[in-house]
Amino acid sequence: MGLGHTHSHGSDHAHGHSHAPKDFGRAFAIGVVLNTAFVIVEATFGILSGSMALVADAGHNLSDVLALLIAWGASIAAKRPPSRRYTYGLKSSTILAALANAMLLLVAIGAILFETVHRLIDPVEPEGWTMIWVAGVGIVINTATALLFMGGRKQDINIRGAYLHMAADALVSVGVVIAGAAILLTGAVLIDPLVSLVIVAVIAWGTWGLLKDSVKMGLLAVPDNVSESAVRDYLCGLDGVEAVHDLHIWPMSTTETAMTAHLVMPAGHPGDGFLREVAHELDHHHGIGHATLQVEQERNGGCGECS
């Protein structure tokens, strides 16, 4: 029957998506400019003062500048309309951006770790006051940048990643200030490379979370904010549904989720109103904004039978 292949697209009805604020482009621009300037200043003073902790932090901040640029580019690309070649548009570019940012951080970790081990073997006495003043500026800049992304941290993993990176950078800068003060008080030059090791550990911890989440999204895993079992139970509980099979839920981007499912309804197609209501429910209560449902009257080998 022709009715057996009627589709309902959640995108056509009652959207409940949470999008990044309109001024996020401005936030990205300000964050990139501030952090680029600080990277130049911090790296210069780190080299001149012989502080590996400052150089390590500058390397981390450079990776964050690149991460902001990638996330910014992906957020712009994700707004492009669908085409005949890219029928979803370029929404998934935000997932690729998250994965690329994780790769960048891994490269930064390797470079910082290499230089830190070299300094442990051949210590150089850094200038404690230079470390304190430069890192103090870093605390202000990283905190200000983090605040720019605070408003969107709950809606988008990329924005949340930018926010957490900047907040972590502020804490790392606090660590450099503490290292500078400890060197002034004790004269122990090994404090500097030891602090850079702590910085590497902080970066690695954040990178692991970003890498894990971006790989899951790249493999089209069910998003963490969606329960596959809850969606299946909801569909099985609909009047007239005897079985649900071929249920697939995946991220279209870092902010939008899609779903397809086959509903076995022996009584036949219930009408477009039923499909609109289901799409609305999936959007507002399960976070699935793009749902495609196929109604069938015969069971497919008994799979997906509802209890």
Protein backbone atom coordinates (compact mmCIF):
# COMPACT_ATOMS: atom_id res chain seq x y z
CA MET A 1 0.00 0.00 0.00
CA GLY A 2 1.21 3.48 -0.81
CA LEU A 3 0.41 4.65 2.69
CA GLY A 4 3.00 2.25 4.04
CA HIS A 5 5.80 4.59 3.06
CA THR A 6 4.56 7.91 4.37
CA HIS A 7 7.29 9.93 6.06
CA SER A 8 7.03 12.59 8.74
CA HIS A 9 9.87 15.07 8.98
CA GLY A 10 10.23 16.78 12.32
CA SER A 11 11.98 19.61 10.53
CA ASP A 12 8.65 20.59 8.98
CA HIS A 13 6.86 20.90 12.30
CA ALA A 14 7.44 22.70 15.60
CA HIS A 15 11.18 23.06 15.85
CA GLY A 16 12.67 23.15 19.31
CA HIS A 17 16.34 23.39 18.43
CA SER A 18 18.71 25.43 20.54
CA HIS A 19 20.94 27.46 18.30
CA ALA A 20 24.00 29.50 19.19
CA PRO A 21 23.32 33.18 19.91
CA LYS A 22 23.40 35.50 16.91
CA ASP A 23 26.41 37.41 18.23
CA PHE A 24 28.63 34.33 18.43
CA GLY A 25 30.55 35.43 15.34
CA ARG A 26 31.52 38.55 17.25
CA ALA A 27 32.45 36.45 20.29
CA PHE A 28 34.71 34.25 18.13
CA ALA A 29 36.36 37.30 16.56
CA ILE A 30 37.08 38.94 19.92
CA GLY A 31 38.35 35.66 21.38
CA VAL A 32 40.69 35.03 18.43
CA VAL A 33 42.15 38.57 18.49
CA LEU A 34 42.67 38.63 22.25
CA ASN A 35 44.26 35.19 22.41
CA THR A 36 46.45 35.67 19.34
CA ALA A 37 47.91 38.85 20.84
CA PHE A 38 48.46 37.09 24.15
CA VAL A 39 50.15 34.08 22.51
CA ILE A 40 52.71 36.41 20.87
CA VAL A 41 53.37 38.25 24.13
CA GLU A 42 53.52 35.11 26.28
CA ALA A 43 55.80 33.17 23.91
CA THR A 44 58.15 36.15 23.57
CA PHE A 45 58.49 36.70 27.31
CA GLY A 46 58.70 32.94 27.92
CA ILE A 47 61.69 32.62 25.57
CA LEU A 48 63.38 35.78 26.85
CA SER A 49 62.90 34.81 30.51
CA GLY A 50 63.70 31.12 30.01
CA SER A 51 60.35 30.00 31.42
CA MET A 52 59.20 26.68 29.98
CA ALA A 53 55.91 27.06 31.86
CA LEU A 54 55.19 30.27 29.91
CA VAL A 55 56.21 28.68 26.60
CA ALA A 56 54.04 25.64 27.37
CA ASP A 57 51.06 27.83 28.18
CA ALA A 58 51.66 29.86 25.00
CA GLY A 59 51.63 26.64 22.98
CA HIS A 60 48.35 25.65 24.57
CA ASN A 61 46.86 29.08 23.88
CA LEU A 62 48.00 28.85 20.25
CA SER A 63 46.14 25.56 19.88
CA ASP A 64 43.10 27.26 21.38
CA VAL A 65 43.31 30.06 18.80
CA LEU A 66 43.35 27.45 16.04
CA ALA A 67 40.49 25.63 17.76
CA LEU A 68 38.45 28.83 17.88
CA LEU A 69 39.12 29.45 14.18
CA ILE A 70 38.06 25.91 13.25
CA ALA A 71 34.93 26.04 15.41
CA TRP A 72 34.10 29.48 14.00
CA GLY A 73 34.47 28.24 10.42
CA ALA A 74 32.34 25.17 11.15
CA SER A 75 29.59 27.25 12.76
CA ILE A 76 29.45 29.39 9.61
CA ALA A 77 29.46 26.34 7.32
CA ALA A 78 26.69 24.67 9.36
CA LYS A 79 24.34 27.54 8.47
CA ARG A 80 24.63 26.93 4.72
CA PRO A 81 21.41 25.62 3.16
CA PRO A 82 21.13 22.06 1.82
CA SER A 83 22.17 21.39 -1.77
CA ARG A 84 21.71 18.53 -4.22
CA ARG A 85 25.11 17.17 -3.22
CA TYR A 86 24.88 17.89 0.51
CA THR A 87 21.23 17.26 1.31
CA TYR A 88 21.76 18.00 5.01
CA GLY A 89 23.80 21.08 4.23
CA LEU A 90 27.16 21.20 6.01
CA LYS A 91 25.80 20.70 9.52
CA SER A 92 28.17 17.82 10.32
CA SER A 93 31.16 20.14 9.80
CA THR A 94 30.80 21.02 13.48
CA ILE A 95 31.51 17.36 14.34
CA LEU A 96 34.59 17.36 12.10
CA ALA A 97 35.71 20.60 13.78
CA ALA A 98 35.51 19.01 17.23
CA LEU A 99 37.57 16.05 16.01
CA ALA A 100 40.14 18.35 14.35
CA ASN A 101 40.45 20.36 17.56
CA ALA A 102 41.18 17.21 19.53
CA MET A 103 43.92 16.30 17.03
CA LEU A 104 45.45 19.77 17.35
CA LEU A 105 45.55 19.45 21.11
CA LEU A 106 47.32 16.09 20.84
CA VAL A 107 49.99 17.70 18.65
CA ALA A 108 50.37 20.54 21.17
CA ILE A 109 50.73 18.04 24.02
CA GLY A 110 53.52 16.20 22.19
CA ALA A 111 55.46 19.38 21.42
CA ILE A 112 55.17 20.74 24.97
CA LEU A 113 56.09 17.40 26.53
CA PHE A 114 59.19 17.08 24.34
CA GLU A 115 60.50 20.50 25.36
CA THR A 116 59.58 19.98 29.02
CA VAL A 117 61.57 16.73 29.25
CA HIS A 118 64.53 18.57 27.68
CA ARG A 119 64.28 21.26 30.39
CA LEU A 120 64.13 18.63 33.13
CA ILE A 121 67.40 17.18 31.84
CA ASP A 122 69.02 20.58 31.28
CA PRO A 123 67.32 23.09 33.64
CA VAL A 124 67.37 26.84 32.92
CA GLU A 125 66.63 29.39 35.65
CA PRO A 126 63.56 31.43 34.62
CA GLU A 127 62.62 34.94 35.77
CA GLY A 128 59.94 34.53 38.41
CA TRP A 129 58.50 38.04 38.15
CA THR A 130 58.17 37.79 34.37
CA MET A 131 56.24 34.55 34.78
CA ILE A 132 53.92 36.15 37.33
CA TRP A 133 53.13 39.29 35.34
CA VAL A 134 52.63 37.62 31.97
CA ALA A 135 50.55 34.78 33.39
CA GLY A 136 48.52 37.35 35.33
CA VAL A 137 47.57 38.99 32.04
CA GLY A 138 46.65 35.52 30.78
CA ILE A 139 44.22 35.03 33.66
CA VAL A 140 42.37 38.21 32.68
CA ILE A 141 42.28 37.45 28.92
CA ASN A 142 41.29 33.79 29.26
CA THR A 143 38.58 34.59 31.80
CA ALA A 144 37.18 37.33 29.56
CA THR A 145 37.18 34.98 26.55
CA ALA A 146 35.49 32.21 28.54
CA LEU A 147 32.71 34.62 29.52
CA LEU A 148 32.06 35.35 25.83
CA PHE A 149 31.07 31.70 25.31
CA MET A 150 29.28 31.13 28.60
CA GLY A 151 25.84 31.85 27.10
CA GLY A 152 26.02 29.01 24.55
CA ARG A 153 27.85 26.35 26.52
CA LYS A 154 24.69 24.31 27.21
CA GLN A 155 23.50 24.16 23.59
CA ASP A 156 26.58 23.23 21.55
CA ILE A 157 29.53 20.93 22.29
CA ASN A 158 31.79 23.19 20.23
CA ILE A 159 30.80 26.27 22.22
CA ARG A 160 31.06 24.36 25.47
CA GLY A 161 34.49 23.15 24.40
CA ALA A 162 35.62 26.72 23.71
CA TYR A 163 34.27 27.84 27.07
CA LEU A 164 35.94 25.00 28.98
CA HIS A 165 39.24 25.50 27.13
CA MET A 166 39.35 29.18 28.05
CA ALA A 167 38.31 28.51 31.65
CA ALA A 168 40.99 25.82 31.91
CA ASP A 169 43.55 28.24 30.43
CA ALA A 170 42.72 30.74 33.14
CA LEU A 171 43.37 28.05 35.77
CA VAL A 172 46.62 27.04 34.04
CA SER A 173 47.76 30.68 34.12
CA VAL A 174 47.05 30.66 37.85
CA GLY A 175 49.41 27.66 38.06
CA VAL A 176 52.15 29.60 36.25
CA VAL A 177 51.74 32.49 38.70
CA ILE A 178 52.12 30.06 41.58
CA ALA A 179 55.22 28.54 39.94
CA GLY A 180 56.79 31.99 39.50
CA ALA A 181 56.16 32.85 43.14
CA ALA A 182 57.56 29.49 44.30
CA ILE A 183 60.74 30.04 42.24
CA LEU A 184 61.21 33.51 43.76
CA LEU A 185 60.78 32.09 47.25
CA THR A 186 62.81 28.89 46.92
CA GLY A 187 65.08 29.35 43.92
CA ALA A 188 64.23 25.80 42.78
CA VAL A 189 64.44 25.96 38.96
CA LEU A 190 62.86 22.51 38.52
CA ILE A 191 59.54 23.96 39.65
CA ASP A 192 59.09 25.52 36.18
CA PRO A 193 59.24 22.30 34.07
CA LEU A 194 57.28 20.43 36.75
CA VAL A 195 54.48 23.00 36.43
CA SER A 196 54.56 22.58 32.65
CA LEU A 197 54.04 18.83 33.20
CA VAL A 198 50.95 19.66 35.24
CA ILE A 199 49.80 21.91 32.38
CA VAL A 200 50.26 18.99 29.96
CA ALA A 201 48.18 16.78 32.27
CA VAL A 202 45.37 19.38 32.36
CA ILE A 203 45.38 19.68 28.55
CA ALA A 204 45.44 15.88 28.14
CA TRP A 205 42.45 15.47 30.46
CA GLY A 206 40.37 17.97 28.49
CA THR A 207 41.57 16.55 25.17
CA TRP A 208 40.50 13.02 26.09
CA GLY A 209 36.95 14.18 26.76
CA LEU A 210 36.78 16.18 23.53
CA LEU A 211 38.32 13.33 21.50
CA LYS A 212 35.97 10.73 22.98
CA ASP A 213 32.85 12.83 22.36
CA SER A 214 33.83 13.87 18.82
CA VAL A 215 34.71 10.29 17.81
CA LYS A 216 31.34 9.08 19.14
CA MET A 217 29.56 11.73 17.10
CA GLY A 218 31.67 10.92 14.04
CA LEU A 219 30.61 7.27 14.37
CA LEU A 220 26.96 8.40 14.52
CA ALA A 221 26.42 7.16 18.07
CA VAL A 222 23.16 8.09 19.80
CA PRO A 223 23.79 11.51 21.41
CA ASP A 224 24.28 11.49 25.18
CA ASN A 225 21.18 13.62 25.74
CA VAL A 226 18.93 11.09 23.96
CA SER A 227 17.81 7.76 25.41
CA GLU A 228 17.31 5.12 22.70
CA SER A 229 15.29 2.94 25.05
CA ALA A 230 13.02 5.86 26.05
CA VAL A 231 12.38 6.69 22.38
CA ARG A 232 11.63 3.04 21.60
CA ASP A 233 9.27 2.78 24.57
CA TYR A 234 7.47 5.94 23.45
CA LEU A 235 7.02 4.66 19.89
CA CYS A 236 5.87 1.24 21.14
CA GLY A 237 3.32 2.94 23.38
CA LEU A 238 1.58 4.70 20.49
CA ASP A 239 -1.95 3.51 19.70
CA GLY A 240 -1.94 0.89 16.96
CA VAL A 241 1.82 0.23 17.00
CA GLU A 242 2.68 -3.49 17.40
CA ALA A 243 6.37 -3.37 16.53
CA VAL A 244 9.22 -0.89 15.97
CA HIS A 245 12.25 -1.85 13.90
CA ASP A 246 15.15 -0.20 12.12
CA LEU A 247 15.28 2.53 14.76
CA HIS A 248 18.30 4.74 14.12
CA ILE A 249 19.24 7.90 16.05
CA TRP A 250 22.29 9.94 15.14
CA PRO A 251 23.76 13.46 15.38
CA MET A 252 23.36 15.63 12.27
CA SER A 253 25.61 18.22 13.90
CA THR A 254 26.77 19.08 17.41
CA THR A 255 23.35 20.62 18.09
CA GLU A 256 20.81 18.69 15.97
CA THR A 257 19.67 15.06 16.11
CA ALA A 258 17.94 12.94 13.45
CA MET A 259 16.01 9.69 13.67
CA THR A 260 14.42 7.11 11.38
CA ALA A 261 12.10 4.26 12.42
CA HIS A 262 9.66 1.76 10.94
CA LEU A 263 6.34 1.43 12.79
CA VAL A 264 4.31 -1.74 12.25
CA MET A 265 0.63 -0.70 12.41
CA PRO A 266 -1.69 -3.53 11.17
CA ALA A 267 -4.71 -1.19 11.06
CA GLY A 268 -2.97 0.94 8.47
CA HIS A 269 -1.73 4.49 8.20
CA PRO A 270 -3.28 6.69 10.93
CA GLY A 271 -2.99 9.97 8.98
CA ASP A 272 -0.73 13.02 8.83
CA GLY A 273 -2.04 14.39 12.13
CA PHE A 274 -0.65 11.35 13.94
CA LEU A 275 2.76 11.83 12.33
CA ARG A 276 2.84 15.55 13.18
CA GLU A 277 2.02 14.80 16.80
CA VAL A 278 4.75 12.14 17.04
CA ALA A 279 7.31 14.48 15.43
CA HIS A 280 6.36 17.22 17.90
CA GLU A 281 6.72 14.85 20.87
CA LEU A 282 10.12 13.56 19.68
CA ASP A 283 11.35 17.12 19.21
CA HIS A 284 10.20 18.60 22.52
CA HIS A 285 10.61 15.65 24.88
CA HIS A 286 13.42 13.60 23.35
CA GLY A 287 15.57 16.24 21.64
CA ILE A 288 15.09 14.77 18.14
CA GLY A 289 14.32 17.58 15.70
CA HIS A 290 14.42 15.61 12.44
CA ALA A 291 12.29 12.45 12.60
CA THR A 292 11.35 10.23 9.66
CA LEU A 293 8.74 7.54 10.31
CA GLN A 294 7.74 4.76 7.93
CA VAL A 295 4.42 3.04 8.59
CA GLU A 296 4.02 -0.64 7.65
CA GLN A 297 1.07 -3.00 8.07
CA GLU A 298 2.98 -6.29 8.14
CA ARG A 299 5.62 -7.41 10.61
CA ASN A 300 9.14 -7.91 9.33
CA GLY A 301 10.01 -11.33 10.73
CA GLY A 302 8.80 -10.40 14.21
CA CYS A 303 11.84 -8.17 14.91
CA GLY A 304 11.32 -5.15 17.12
CA GLU A 305 8.07 -6.51 18.59
CA CYS A 306 6.67 -4.32 21.34
CA SER A 307 5.97 -6.01 24.65
